[in-house]
PDB file of N, CA and C in Angstrom:
ATOM      1  N   MET A   1      15.438 -17.110  46.524  1.00  0.00           N
ATOM      2  CA  MET A   1      14.847 -16.082  45.574  1.00  0.00           C
ATOM      3  C   MET A   1      13.404 -16.410  45.368  1.00  0.00           C
ATOM      4  N   LEU A   2      12.713 -17.438  45.564  1.00  0.00           N
ATOM      5  CA  LEU A   2      11.295 -17.659  45.432  1.00  0.00           C
ATOM      6  C   LEU A   2      10.798 -17.145  46.756  1.00  0.00           C
ATOM      7  N   ARG A   3      11.295 -17.308  47.935  1.00  0.00           N
ATOM      8  CA  ARG A   3      10.705 -16.725  49.166  1.00  0.00           C
ATOM      9  C   ARG A   3      10.704 -15.198  49.180  1.00  0.00           C
ATOM     10  N   VAL A   4      11.723 -14.805  48.877  1.00  0.00           N
ATOM     11  CA  VAL A   4      11.716 -13.172  48.905  1.00  0.00           C
ATOM     12  C   VAL A   4      10.896 -12.826  47.708  1.00  0.00           C
ATOM     13  N   GLY A   5      10.503 -13.270  46.608  1.00  0.00           N
ATOM     14  CA  GLY A   5       9.826 -12.991  45.489  1.00  0.00           C
ATOM     15  C   GLY A   5       8.374 -12.945  46.026  1.00  0.00           C
ATOM     16  N   GLU A   6       8.023 -13.941  46.829  1.00  0.00           N
ATOM     17  CA  GLU A   6       6.461 -14.046  47.378  1.00  0.00           C
ATOM     18  C   GLU A   6       6.137 -12.919  48.668  1.00  0.00           C
ATOM     19  N   LEU A   7       7.556 -12.652  49.004  1.00  0.00           N
ATOM     20  CA  LEU A   7       7.242 -11.531  50.216  1.00  0.00           C
ATOM     21  C   LEU A   7       7.015 -10.198  49.611  1.00  0.00           C
ATOM     22  N   VAL A   8       7.797 -10.007  48.430  1.00  0.00           N
ATOM     23  CA  VAL A   8       7.576  -8.657  47.742  1.00  0.00           C
ATOM     24  C   VAL A   8       6.316  -8.691  47.072  1.00  0.00           C
ATOM     25  N   ARG A   9       5.892  -9.831  46.532  1.00  0.00           N
ATOM     26  CA  ARG A   9       4.371 -10.014  45.868  1.00  0.00           C
ATOM     27  C   ARG A   9       3.298  -9.506  46.828  1.00  0.00           C
ATOM     28  N   HIS A  10       3.274 -10.276  48.119  1.00  0.00           N
ATOM     29  CA  HIS A  10       2.486 -10.172  49.288  1.00  0.00           C
ATOM     30  C   HIS A  10       2.461  -8.287  49.756  1.00  0.00           C
ATOM     31  N   ALA A  11       3.763  -7.767  49.780  1.00  0.00           N
ATOM     32  CA  ALA A  11       3.747  -6.591  50.247  1.00  0.00           C
ATOM     33  C   ALA A  11       3.300  -5.590  49.026  1.00  0.00           C
ATOM     34  N   LEU A  12       3.488  -5.825  47.827  1.00  0.00           N
ATOM     35  CA  LEU A  12       2.913  -4.919  46.765  1.00  0.00           C
ATOM     36  C   LEU A  12       1.454  -4.996  46.817  1.00  0.00           C
ATOM     37  N   ALA A  13       0.898  -6.224  46.976  1.00  0.00           N
ATOM     38  CA  ALA A  13      -0.681  -6.397  46.934  1.00  0.00           C
ATOM     39  C   ALA A  13      -1.201  -5.618  48.065  1.00  0.00           C
ATOM     40  N   ALA A  14      -0.495  -5.607  49.231  1.00  0.00           N
ATOM     41  CA  ALA A  14      -1.046  -4.791  50.408  1.00  0.00           C
ATOM     42  C   ALA A  14      -0.738  -3.266  50.010  1.00  0.00           C
ATOM     43  N   VAL A  15      -0.065  -2.773  49.443  1.00  0.00           N
ATOM     44  CA  VAL A  15       0.183  -1.387  49.171  1.00  0.00           C
ATOM     45  C   VAL A  15      -0.867  -1.122  48.092  1.00  0.00           C
ATOM     46  N   PHE A  16      -1.182  -2.025  47.288  1.00  0.00           N
ATOM     47  CA  PHE A  16      -2.186  -1.666  46.214  1.00  0.00           C
ATOM     48  C   PHE A  16      -3.572  -1.753  46.723  1.00  0.00           C
ATOM     49  N   ALA A  17      -3.711  -2.671  47.487  1.00  0.00           N
ATOM     50  CA  ALA A  17      -4.978  -2.835  48.304  1.00  0.00           C
ATOM     51  C   ALA A  17      -5.462  -1.526  49.172  1.00  0.00           C
ATOM     52  N   ARG A  18      -4.509  -1.164  49.829  1.00  0.00           N
ATOM     53  CA  ARG A  18      -4.857   0.056  50.626  1.00  0.00           C
ATOM     54  C   ARG A  18      -4.767   1.280  49.847  1.00  0.00           C
ATOM     55  N   GLY A  19      -4.588   1.375  48.478  1.00  0.00           N
ATOM     56  CA  GLY A  19      -4.558   2.554  47.752  1.00  0.00           C
ATOM     57  C   GLY A  19      -3.713   3.829  48.124  1.00  0.00           C
ATOM     58  N   GLU A  20      -2.478   3.322  48.583  1.00  0.00           N
ATOM     59  CA  GLU A  20      -1.415   4.275  49.007  1.00  0.00           C
ATOM     60  C   GLU A  20      -0.723   5.168  47.928  1.00  0.00           C
ATOM     61  N   ILE A  21      -0.987   4.821  46.668  1.00  0.00           N
ATOM     62  CA  ILE A  21      -0.116   5.568  45.573  1.00  0.00           C
ATOM     63  C   ILE A  21      -1.212   6.779  45.149  1.00  0.00           C
ATOM     64  N   GLU A  22      -0.794   7.967  45.071  1.00  0.00           N
ATOM     65  CA  GLU A  22      -1.854   8.914  44.603  1.00  0.00           C
ATOM     66  C   GLU A  22      -1.360   9.197  43.089  1.00  0.00           C
ATOM     67  N   ASP A  23      -2.318   8.557  42.426  1.00  0.00           N
ATOM     68  CA  ASP A  23      -2.100   8.948  40.954  1.00  0.00           C
ATOM     69  C   ASP A  23      -3.641   8.743  40.216  1.00  0.00           C
ATOM     70  N   ASP A  24      -3.895   9.623  39.331  1.00  0.00           N
ATOM     71  CA  ASP A  24      -5.010   9.790  38.576  1.00  0.00           C
ATOM     72  C   ASP A  24      -5.159   8.347  37.803  1.00  0.00           C
ATOM     73  N   THR A  25      -4.180   7.863  37.192  1.00  0.00           N
ATOM     74  CA  THR A  25      -4.139   6.682  36.419  1.00  0.00           C
ATOM     75  C   THR A  25      -4.611   5.705  36.984  1.00  0.00           C
ATOM     76  N   LEU A  26      -3.940   5.451  38.623  1.00  0.00           N
ATOM     77  CA  LEU A  26      -4.228   4.546  39.267  1.00  0.00           C
ATOM     78  C   LEU A  26      -5.761   4.616  40.235  1.00  0.00           C
ATOM     79  N   ALA A  27      -6.205   5.414  40.227  1.00  0.00           N
ATOM     80  CA  ALA A  27      -7.407   5.589  40.709  1.00  0.00           C
ATOM     81  C   ALA A  27      -8.581   4.629  40.427  1.00  0.00           C
ATOM     82  N   GLY A  28      -8.967   3.980  41.172  1.00  0.00           N
ATOM     83  CA  GLY A  28     -10.086   2.910  41.097  1.00  0.00           C
ATOM     84  C   GLY A  28      -9.637   1.468  40.670  1.00  0.00           C
ATOM     85  N   ALA A  29      -8.142   1.648  40.053  1.00  0.00           N
ATOM     86  CA  ALA A  29      -7.911   0.369  39.510  1.00  0.00           C
ATOM     87  C   ALA A  29      -7.524  -0.699  40.370  1.00  0.00           C
ATOM     88  N   VAL A  30      -8.204  -2.043  40.238  1.00  0.00           N
ATOM     89  CA  VAL A  30      -7.747  -3.103  41.081  1.00  0.00           C
ATOM     90  C   VAL A  30      -6.809  -3.784  40.406  1.00  0.00           C
ATOM     91  N   LEU A  31      -5.507  -3.969  41.101  1.00  0.00           N
ATOM     92  CA  LEU A  31      -4.455  -4.840  40.445  1.00  0.00           C
ATOM     93  C   LEU A  31      -4.169  -5.917  41.162  1.00  0.00           C
ATOM     94  N   THR A  32      -3.922  -7.021  40.204  1.00  0.00           N
ATOM     95  CA  THR A  32      -3.254  -8.373  40.685  1.00  0.00           C
ATOM     96  C   THR A  32      -1.823  -8.417  40.601  1.00  0.00           C
ATOM     97  N   VAL A  33      -1.293  -8.988  41.300  1.00  0.00           N
ATOM     98  CA  VAL A  33       0.379  -9.259  41.109  1.00  0.00           C
ATOM     99  C   VAL A  33       0.630 -11.015  41.284  1.00  0.00           C
ATOM    100  N   PRO A  34       0.556 -11.458  40.142  1.00  0.00           N
ATOM    101  CA  PRO A  34       0.638 -12.938  39.889  1.00  0.00           C
ATOM    102  C   PRO A  34       2.060 -13.398  40.307  1.00  0.00           C
ATOM    103  N   GLU A  35       2.970 -12.527  39.878  1.00  0.00           N
ATOM    104  CA  GLU A  35       4.355 -13.077  40.092  1.00  0.00           C
ATOM    105  C   GLU A  35       5.315 -12.008  40.192  1.00  0.00           C
ATOM    106  N   VAL A  36       6.335 -12.132  40.926  1.00  0.00           N
ATOM    107  CA  VAL A  36       7.381 -11.220  41.285  1.00  0.00           C
ATOM    108  C   VAL A  36       8.706 -12.302  41.146  1.00  0.00           C
ATOM    109  N   ARG A  37       9.583 -11.912  40.221  1.00  0.00           N
ATOM    110  CA  ARG A  37      10.829 -12.469  40.035  1.00  0.00           C
ATOM    111  C   ARG A  37      12.067 -11.638  40.428  1.00  0.00           C
ATOM    112  N   MET A  38      12.910 -12.496  41.334  1.00  0.00           N
ATOM    113  CA  MET A  38      14.091 -11.803  41.980  1.00  0.00           C
ATOM    114  C   MET A  38      15.323 -12.014  41.096  1.00  0.00           C
ATOM    115  N   SER A  39      16.157 -10.992  41.023  1.00  0.00           N
ATOM    116  CA  SER A  39      17.534 -11.315  40.477  1.00  0.00           C
ATOM    117  C   SER A  39      18.242 -12.069  41.672  1.00  0.00           C
ATOM    118  N   PRO A  40      19.358 -12.864  40.970  1.00  0.00           N
ATOM    119  CA  PRO A  40      20.052 -13.754  41.796  1.00  0.00           C
ATOM    120  C   PRO A  40      20.517 -13.076  43.169  1.00  0.00           C
ATOM    121  N   ASP A  41      20.992 -11.565  43.004  1.00  0.00           N
ATOM    122  CA  ASP A  41      21.335 -11.024  44.282  1.00  0.00           C
ATOM    123  C   ASP A  41      20.293 -10.230  45.122  1.00  0.00           C
ATOM    124  N   LEU A  42      19.073 -10.387  44.611  1.00  0.00           N
ATOM    125  CA  LEU A  42      18.011  -9.994  45.493  1.00  0.00           C
ATOM    126  C   LEU A  42      17.996  -8.402  45.431  1.00  0.00           C
ATOM    127  N   LYS A  43      18.697  -7.732  44.562  1.00  0.00           N
ATOM    128  CA  LYS A  43      18.556  -6.357  44.474  1.00  0.00           C
ATOM    129  C   LYS A  43      17.437  -5.741  43.559  1.00  0.00           C
ATOM    130  N   LEU A  44      16.831  -6.584  42.755  1.00  0.00           N
ATOM    131  CA  LEU A  44      16.125  -6.176  41.691  1.00  0.00           C
ATOM    132  C   LEU A  44      14.791  -7.044  41.719  1.00  0.00           C
ATOM    133  N   ALA A  45      13.649  -6.469  41.735  1.00  0.00           N
ATOM    134  CA  ALA A  45      12.513  -7.390  41.713  1.00  0.00           C
ATOM    135  C   ALA A  45      11.680  -6.958  40.528  1.00  0.00           C
ATOM    136  N   SER A  46      11.389  -7.942  39.670  1.00  0.00           N
ATOM    137  CA  SER A  46      10.486  -7.716  38.433  1.00  0.00           C
ATOM    138  C   SER A  46       9.048  -8.293  38.825  1.00  0.00           C
ATOM    139  N   ALA A  47       7.974  -7.072  38.988  1.00  0.00           N
ATOM    140  CA  ALA A  47       6.821  -7.430  39.312  1.00  0.00           C
ATOM    141  C   ALA A  47       5.791  -7.488  38.195  1.00  0.00           C
ATOM    142  N   TYR A  48       5.065  -8.452  37.952  1.00  0.00           N
ATOM    143  CA  TYR A  48       4.196  -8.549  36.923  1.00  0.00           C
ATOM    144  C   TYR A  48       2.882  -8.393  37.445  1.00  0.00           C
ATOM    145  N   VAL A  49       2.119  -7.364  36.759  1.00  0.00           N
ATOM    146  CA  VAL A  49       0.931  -7.052  37.351  1.00  0.00           C
ATOM    147  C   VAL A  49      -0.090  -6.766  36.316  1.00  0.00           C
ATOM    148  N   MET A  50      -1.460  -7.012  36.558  1.00  0.00           N
ATOM    149  CA  MET A  50      -2.369  -6.994  35.617  1.00  0.00           C
ATOM    150  C   MET A  50      -3.670  -6.477  36.182  1.00  0.00           C
ATOM    151  N   PRO A  51      -4.224  -5.294  35.811  1.00  0.00           N
ATOM    152  CA  PRO A  51      -5.441  -4.737  36.259  1.00  0.00           C
ATOM    153  C   PRO A  51      -6.742  -5.551  36.085  1.00  0.00           C
ATOM    154  N   LEU A  52      -7.559  -5.493  36.806  1.00  0.00           N
ATOM    155  CA  LEU A  52      -8.870  -6.481  36.799  1.00  0.00           C
ATOM    156  C   LEU A  52      -9.416  -5.942  35.401  1.00  0.00           C
ATOM    157  N   GLY A  53      -9.655  -7.095  34.459  1.00  0.00           N
ATOM    158  CA  GLY A  53     -10.148  -6.877  33.351  1.00  0.00           C
ATOM    159  C   GLY A  53      -9.173  -6.589  32.235  1.00  0.00           C
ATOM    160  N   GLY A  54      -8.121  -6.225  32.564  1.00  0.00           N
ATOM    161  CA  GLY A  54      -6.829  -6.246  31.669  1.00  0.00           C
ATOM    162  C   GLY A  54      -6.947  -4.868  30.989  1.00  0.00           C
ATOM    163  N   GLU A  55      -7.913  -3.764  31.311  1.00  0.00           N
ATOM    164  CA  GLU A  55      -7.767  -2.577  30.622  1.00  0.00           C
ATOM    165  C   GLU A  55      -6.872  -1.619  31.051  1.00  0.00           C
ATOM    166  N   ARG A  56      -6.259  -0.796  30.235  1.00  0.00           N
ATOM    167  CA  ARG A  56      -5.053   0.252  30.269  1.00  0.00           C
ATOM    168  C   ARG A  56      -3.913  -0.436  31.142  1.00  0.00           C
ATOM    169  N   ALA A  57      -3.445  -1.762  30.827  1.00  0.00           N
ATOM    170  CA  ALA A  57      -2.600  -2.240  31.450  1.00  0.00           C
ATOM    171  C   ALA A  57      -1.362  -1.495  31.193  1.00  0.00           C
ATOM    172  N   GLU A  58      -0.940  -1.170  30.073  1.00  0.00           N
ATOM    173  CA  GLU A  58       0.423  -0.599  29.710  1.00  0.00           C
ATOM    174  C   GLU A  58       0.336   0.877  30.398  1.00  0.00           C
ATOM    175  N   GLU A  59      -0.789   1.494  30.366  1.00  0.00           N
ATOM    176  CA  GLU A  59      -0.750   2.847  31.194  1.00  0.00           C
ATOM    177  C   GLU A  59      -0.543   2.761  32.404  1.00  0.00           C
ATOM    178  N   ILE A  60      -1.113   1.662  33.309  1.00  0.00           N
ATOM    179  CA  ILE A  60      -1.140   1.666  34.703  1.00  0.00           C
ATOM    180  C   ILE A  60       0.262   1.097  35.109  1.00  0.00           C
ATOM    181  N   VAL A  61       0.964   0.320  34.164  1.00  0.00           N
ATOM    182  CA  VAL A  61       2.366  -0.298  34.558  1.00  0.00           C
ATOM    183  C   VAL A  61       3.307   0.776  34.562  1.00  0.00           C
ATOM    184  N   ALA A  62       2.975   1.902  33.595  1.00  0.00           N
ATOM    185  CA  ALA A  62       3.711   3.126  33.403  1.00  0.00           C
ATOM    186  C   ALA A  62       3.500   3.887  34.600  1.00  0.00           C
ATOM    187  N   ALA A  63       2.482   3.997  35.113  1.00  0.00           N
ATOM    188  CA  ALA A  63       2.394   4.795  36.374  1.00  0.00           C
ATOM    189  C   ALA A  63       2.947   4.243  37.541  1.00  0.00           C
ATOM    190  N   LEU A  64       2.895   2.992  37.682  1.00  0.00           N
ATOM    191  CA  LEU A  64       3.670   2.186  38.643  1.00  0.00           C
ATOM    192  C   LEU A  64       5.074   2.387  38.622  1.00  0.00           C
ATOM    193  N   ASN A  65       5.581   2.354  37.486  1.00  0.00           N
ATOM    194  CA  ASN A  65       7.107   2.645  37.291  1.00  0.00           C
ATOM    195  C   ASN A  65       7.368   3.933  37.698  1.00  0.00           C
ATOM    196  N   ARG A  66       6.470   5.102  37.387  1.00  0.00           N
ATOM    197  CA  ARG A  66       6.943   6.493  37.814  1.00  0.00           C
ATOM    198  C   ARG A  66       6.908   6.473  39.416  1.00  0.00           C
ATOM    199  N   HIS A  67       6.193   5.731  40.028  1.00  0.00           N
ATOM    200  CA  HIS A  67       6.192   5.809  41.618  1.00  0.00           C
ATOM    201  C   HIS A  67       6.973   4.601  42.231  1.00  0.00           C
ATOM    202  N   HIS A  68       7.889   4.081  41.636  1.00  0.00           N
ATOM    203  CA  HIS A  68       8.623   2.952  42.085  1.00  0.00           C
ATOM    204  C   HIS A  68       9.398   3.429  43.475  1.00  0.00           C
ATOM    205  N   ARG A  69       9.960   4.327  43.456  1.00  0.00           N
ATOM    206  CA  ARG A  69      10.530   4.783  44.573  1.00  0.00           C
ATOM    207  C   ARG A  69       9.777   4.822  45.978  1.00  0.00           C
ATOM    208  N   PHE A  70       8.467   5.489  45.645  1.00  0.00           N
ATOM    209  CA  PHE A  70       7.682   5.514  46.822  1.00  0.00           C
ATOM    210  C   PHE A  70       7.295   4.091  46.927  1.00  0.00           C
ATOM    211  N   ILE A  71       7.006   3.303  46.120  1.00  0.00           N
ATOM    212  CA  ILE A  71       6.631   1.816  46.336  1.00  0.00           C
ATOM    213  C   ILE A  71       7.544   1.018  47.038  1.00  0.00           C
ATOM    214  N   ARG A  72       8.879   1.491  46.604  1.00  0.00           N
ATOM    215  CA  ARG A  72       9.968   0.740  47.459  1.00  0.00           C
ATOM    216  C   ARG A  72      10.080   1.067  48.911  1.00  0.00           C
ATOM    217  N   GLY A  73       9.902   2.290  49.320  1.00  0.00           N
ATOM    218  CA  GLY A  73       9.651   2.805  50.415  1.00  0.00           C
ATOM    219  C   GLY A  73       8.692   2.091  51.496  1.00  0.00           C
ATOM    220  N   ARG A  74       7.589   1.857  50.722  1.00  0.00           N
ATOM    221  CA  ARG A  74       6.264   1.367  51.480  1.00  0.00           C
ATOM    222  C   ARG A  74       6.638  -0.187  51.688  1.00  0.00           C
ATOM    223  N   ILE A  75       7.019  -0.723  50.782  1.00  0.00           N
ATOM    224  CA  ILE A  75       7.195  -2.192  51.050  1.00  0.00           C
ATOM    225  C   ILE A  75       8.534  -2.512  51.912  1.00  0.00           C
ATOM    226  N   ALA A  76       9.490  -1.964  51.861  1.00  0.00           N
ATOM    227  CA  ALA A  76      10.769  -1.973  52.520  1.00  0.00           C
ATOM    228  C   ALA A  76      10.515  -2.345  54.047  1.00  0.00           C
ATOM    229  N   PRO A  77       9.800  -1.781  54.791  1.00  0.00           N
ATOM    230  CA  PRO A  77       9.654  -2.402  56.310  1.00  0.00           C
ATOM    231  C   PRO A  77       8.956  -3.780  56.559  1.00  0.00           C
ATOM    232  N   GLU A  78       8.130  -3.966  55.368  1.00  0.00           N
ATOM    233  CA  GLU A  78       7.530  -5.329  55.423  1.00  0.00           C
ATOM    234  C   GLU A  78       8.421  -6.507  55.095  1.00  0.00           C
ATOM    235  N   LEU A  79       9.504  -6.283  54.513  1.00  0.00           N
ATOM    236  CA  LEU A  79      10.290  -7.285  53.968  1.00  0.00           C
ATOM    237  C   LEU A  79      11.371  -7.923  54.800  1.00  0.00           C
ATOM    238  N   ASP A  80      11.801  -7.253  55.893  1.00  0.00           N
ATOM    239  CA  ASP A  80      12.886  -7.627  56.901  1.00  0.00           C
ATOM    240  C   ASP A  80      14.116  -8.217  56.201  1.00  0.00           C
ATOM    241  N   LEU A  81      14.540  -7.447  55.207  1.00  0.00           N
ATOM    242  CA  LEU A  81      15.646  -7.585  54.267  1.00  0.00           C
ATOM    243  C   LEU A  81      16.862  -6.615  54.613  1.00  0.00           C
ATOM    244  N   LYS A  82      18.132  -7.021  54.386  1.00  0.00           N
ATOM    245  CA  LYS A  82      19.145  -5.912  54.593  1.00  0.00           C
ATOM    246  C   LYS A  82      19.095  -4.769  53.565  1.00  0.00           C
ATOM    247  N   PHE A  83      18.772  -5.015  52.191  1.00  0.00           N
ATOM    248  CA  PHE A  83      18.475  -3.975  51.204  1.00  0.00           C
ATOM    249  C   PHE A  83      16.901  -4.260  50.831  1.00  0.00           C
ATOM    250  N   ALA A  84      16.294  -3.228  50.438  1.00  0.00           N
ATOM    251  CA  ALA A  84      14.986  -3.122  49.725  1.00  0.00           C
ATOM    252  C   ALA A  84      15.270  -3.210  48.304  1.00  0.00           C
ATOM    253  N   PRO A  85      14.717  -4.298  47.590  1.00  0.00           N
ATOM    254  CA  PRO A  85      14.832  -4.512  46.270  1.00  0.00           C
ATOM    255  C   PRO A  85      14.432  -3.434  45.368  1.00  0.00           C
ATOM    256  N   GLU A  86      14.917  -2.809  44.236  1.00  0.00           N
ATOM    257  CA  GLU A  86      14.439  -2.064  43.288  1.00  0.00           C
ATOM    258  C   GLU A  86      13.270  -2.553  42.653  1.00  0.00           C
ATOM    259  N   VAL A  87      12.282  -2.108  42.357  1.00  0.00           N
ATOM    260  CA  VAL A  87      11.164  -2.751  41.988  1.00  0.00           C
ATOM    261  C   VAL A  87      10.756  -2.090  40.557  1.00  0.00           C
ATOM    262  N   ARG A  88      10.646  -3.127  39.566  1.00  0.00           N
ATOM    263  CA  ARG A  88      10.275  -2.687  38.075  1.00  0.00           C
ATOM    264  C   ARG A  88       8.816  -3.428  37.735  1.00  0.00           C
ATOM    265  N   PHE A  89       8.089  -2.780  37.166  1.00  0.00           N
ATOM    266  CA  PHE A  89       6.824  -3.333  36.893  1.00  0.00           C
ATOM    267  C   PHE A  89       6.694  -3.753  35.349  1.00  0.00           C
ATOM    268  N   PHE A  90       6.081  -4.735  35.196  1.00  0.00           N
ATOM    269  CA  PHE A  90       5.450  -5.198  33.774  1.00  0.00           C
ATOM    270  C   PHE A  90       4.395  -5.786  33.654  1.00  0.00           C
ATOM    271  N   VAL A  91       3.729  -5.634  32.536  1.00  0.00           N
ATOM    272  CA  VAL A  91       2.303  -6.227  32.173  1.00  0.00           C
ATOM    273  C   VAL A  91       2.532  -7.573  32.227  1.00  0.00           C
ATOM    274  N   ASP A  92       1.636  -8.259  33.000  1.00  0.00           N
ATOM    275  CA  ASP A  92       1.621  -9.943  32.985  1.00  0.00           C
ATOM    276  C   ASP A  92       0.898 -10.140  31.924  1.00  0.00           C
ATOM    277  N   GLU A  93       1.517 -11.175  31.025  1.00  0.00           N
ATOM    278  CA  GLU A  93       0.975 -11.615  29.803  1.00  0.00           C
ATOM    279  C   GLU A  93       0.364 -12.981  29.766  1.00  0.00           C
ATOM    280  N   THR A  94       0.487 -13.399  31.071  1.00  0.00           N
ATOM    281  CA  THR A  94       0.042 -15.049  31.197  1.00  0.00           C
ATOM    282  C   THR A  94      -1.392 -15.113  31.111  1.00  0.00           C
ATOM    283  N   PHE A  95      -2.130 -14.047  31.482  1.00  0.00           N
ATOM    284  CA  PHE A  95      -3.618 -14.012  31.249  1.00  0.00           C
ATOM    285  C   PHE A  95      -4.002 -14.249  29.818  1.00  0.00           C
ATOM    286  N   GLU A  96      -3.228 -13.346  29.190  1.00  0.00           N
ATOM    287  CA  GLU A  96      -3.437 -13.381  27.639  1.00  0.00           C
ATOM    288  C   GLU A  96      -3.173 -14.491  26.918  1.00  0.00           C
ATOM    289  N   GLU A  97      -2.080 -15.046  27.236  1.00  0.00           N
ATOM    290  CA  GLU A  97      -1.548 -16.420  26.782  1.00  0.00           C
ATOM    291  C   GLU A  97      -2.713 -17.416  27.304  1.00  0.00           C
ATOM    292  N   PHE A  98      -2.984 -17.506  28.128  1.00  0.00           N
ATOM    293  CA  PHE A  98      -4.163 -18.747  28.676  1.00  0.00           C
ATOM    294  C   PHE A  98      -5.198 -18.290  27.813  1.00  0.00           C
ATOM    295  N   GLY A  99      -5.818 -17.241  27.628  1.00  0.00           N
ATOM    296  CA  GLY A  99      -7.052 -16.899  26.761  1.00  0.00           C
ATOM    297  C   GLY A  99      -6.700 -17.522  25.433  1.00  0.00           C
ATOM    298  N   LYS A 100      -5.478 -17.264  24.666  1.00  0.00           N
ATOM    299  CA  LYS A 100      -5.268 -17.657  23.350  1.00  0.00           C
ATOM    300  C   LYS A 100      -5.187 -19.326  23.485  1.00  0.00           C
ATOM    301  N   ILE A 101      -4.671 -19.892  24.386  1.00  0.00           N
ATOM    302  CA  ILE A 101      -4.584 -21.528  24.349  1.00  0.00           C
ATOM    303  C   ILE A 101      -5.994 -21.804  24.907  1.00  0.00           C
ATOM    304  N   ASP A 102      -6.623 -21.298  25.578  1.00  0.00           N
ATOM    305  CA  ASP A 102      -8.056 -21.649  25.793  1.00  0.00           C
ATOM    306  C   ASP A 102      -8.988 -21.805  24.596  1.00  0.00           C
ATOM    307  N   ALA A 103      -8.874 -20.533  23.747  1.00  0.00           N
ATOM    308  CA  ALA A 103      -9.535 -20.465  22.527  1.00  0.00           C
ATOM    309  C   ALA A 103      -9.085 -21.516  21.531  1.00  0.00           C
ATOM    310  N   LEU A 104      -7.746 -21.834  21.600  1.00  0.00           N
ATOM    311  CA  LEU A 104      -7.262 -22.949  20.325  1.00  0.00           C
ATOM    312  C   LEU A 104      -7.965 -24.301  20.895  1.00  0.00           C
ATOM    313  N   LEU A 105      -7.930 -24.624  22.271  1.00  0.00           N
ATOM    314  CA  LEU A 105      -8.349 -25.820  22.624  1.00  0.00           C
ATOM    315  C   LEU A 105      -9.976 -25.880  22.352  1.00  0.00           C
ATOM    316  N   ARG A 106     -10.688 -24.964  22.333  1.00  0.00           N
ATOM    317  CA  ARG A 106     -12.135 -24.991  22.146  1.00  0.00           C
ATOM    318  C   ARG A 106     -12.303 -24.975  20.666  1.00  0.00           C
ATOM    319  N   SER A 107     -11.462 -24.827  19.988  1.00  0.00           N
ATOM    320  CA  SER A 107     -11.780 -24.615  18.264  1.00  0.00           C
ATOM    321  C   SER A 107     -12.385 -25.611  17.763  1.00  0.00           C
ATOM    322  N   ASP A 108     -12.913 -25.697  16.755  1.00  0.00           N
ATOM    323  CA  ASP A 108     -13.737 -26.945  16.094  1.00  0.00           C
ATOM    324  C   ASP A 108     -12.724 -27.967  15.701  1.00  0.00           C
ATOM    325  N   ARG A 109     -11.674 -27.656  15.227  1.00  0.00           N
ATOM    326  CA  ARG A 109     -10.651 -28.431  14.760  1.00  0.00           C
ATOM    327  C   ARG A 109      -9.935 -29.332  15.807  1.00  0.00           C
ATOM    328  N   VAL A 110      -9.790 -28.655  17.081  1.00  0.00           N
ATOM    329  CA  VAL A 110      -9.313 -29.412  18.107  1.00  0.00           C
ATOM    330  C   VAL A 110     -10.384 -30.580  18.693  1.00  0.00           C
ATOM    331  N   GLN A 111     -11.500 -30.067  18.634  1.00  0.00           N
ATOM    332  CA  GLN A 111     -12.732 -30.643  19.096  1.00  0.00           C
ATOM    333  C   GLN A 111     -12.905 -31.963  18.407  1.00  0.00           C
ATOM    334  N   ARG A 112     -12.957 -31.599  17.095  1.00  0.00           N
ATOM    335  CA  ARG A 112     -13.089 -32.847  15.973  1.00  0.00           C
ATOM    336  C   ARG A 112     -11.956 -33.814  16.464  1.00  0.00           C
ATOM    337  N   ASP A 113     -10.806 -33.555  16.357  1.00  0.00           N
ATOM    338  CA  ASP A 113      -9.771 -34.620  16.667  1.00  0.00           C
ATOM    339  C   ASP A 113      -9.908 -35.080  17.918  1.00  0.00           C
ATOM    340  N   LEU A 114     -10.284 -34.409  19.098  1.00  0.00           N
ATOM    341  CA  LEU A 114     -10.626 -34.935  20.352  1.00  0.00           C
ATOM    342  C   LEU A 114     -11.799 -36.275  20.159  1.00  0.00           C
ATOM    343  N   HIS A 115     -12.756 -36.003  19.510  1.00  0.00           N
ATOM    344  CA  HIS A 115     -13.899 -36.831  19.238  1.00  0.00           C
ATOM    345  C   HIS A 115     -13.628 -37.858  18.545  1.00  0.00           C
ATOM    346  N   GLU A 116     -12.732 -37.785  17.377  1.00  0.00           N
ATOM    347  CA  GLU A 116     -12.150 -38.962  16.432  1.00  0.00           C
ATOM    348  C   GLU A 116     -11.572 -39.729  17.444  1.00  0.00           C
ATOM    349  N   ASP A 117     -10.709 -39.353  18.249  1.00  0.00           N
ATOM    350  CA  ASP A 117      -9.975 -40.380  19.265  1.00  0.00           C
ATOM    351  C   ASP A 117     -10.727 -41.039  20.103  1.00  0.00           C
ATOM    352  N   ASP A 118     -11.986 -40.392  20.551  1.00  0.00           N
ATOM    353  CA  ASP A 118     -12.989 -40.998  21.298  1.00  0.00           C
ATOM    354  C   ASP A 118     -13.732 -42.263  20.654  1.00  0.00           C
ATOM    355  N   ASP A 119     -14.013 -41.955  19.440  1.00  0.00           N
ATOM    356  CA  ASP A 119     -14.795 -42.871  18.685  1.00  0.00           C
ATOM    357  C   ASP A 119     -13.870 -44.186  18.467  1.00  0.00           C
ATOM    358  N   GLU A 120     -12.440 -44.046  18.017  1.00  0.00           N
ATOM    359  CA  GLU A 120     -11.607 -44.930  17.638  1.00  0.00           C
ATOM    360  C   GLU A 120     -11.275 -45.814  18.807  1.00  0.00           C
ATOM    361  N   GLY A 121     -11.400 -45.313  20.029  1.00  0.00           N
ATOM    362  CA  GLY A 121     -11.081 -46.035  21.530  1.00  0.00           C
ATOM    363  C   GLY A 121     -12.255 -46.971  21.689  1.00  0.00           C
ATOM    364  N   GLN A 122     -13.493 -46.533  21.168  1.00  0.00           N
ATOM    365  CA  GLN A 122     -14.758 -47.366  21.484  1.00  0.00           C
ATOM    366  C   GLN A 122     -14.880 -48.505  20.552  1.00  0.00           C
ATOM    367  N   SER A 123     -14.266 -48.562  19.363  1.00  0.00           N
ATOM    368  CA  SER A 123     -14.402 -49.669  18.265  1.00  0.00           C
ATOM    369  C   SER A 123     -13.682 -50.900  18.655  1.00  0.00           C
TER     370      SER A 123
END
């Protein structure tokens, strides 16, 4: 499942890089595909995407889902599988979660606790 997910991820990234999808919503959008999760039977690919800067993510994912049949046809030859998986697109939330965790770790409260631990270790 992981190997096929990576194949699909690379194929999707190539389609996006070539700008093969004609849609005003996607025009000029730079997309990253951090992860593709495959179903156990390899017939469904859940692709998590994020536009550069995270702007209009929901709108862009909706446009990709509108063109899922076209995208499936474009990636199928690159996959070398018996059946091309059905692709569903989702907004990748990991960047947002990373930002929240980073902000929490940089907060004064956490920094104070870290410095108190350092002071105790030196005594």
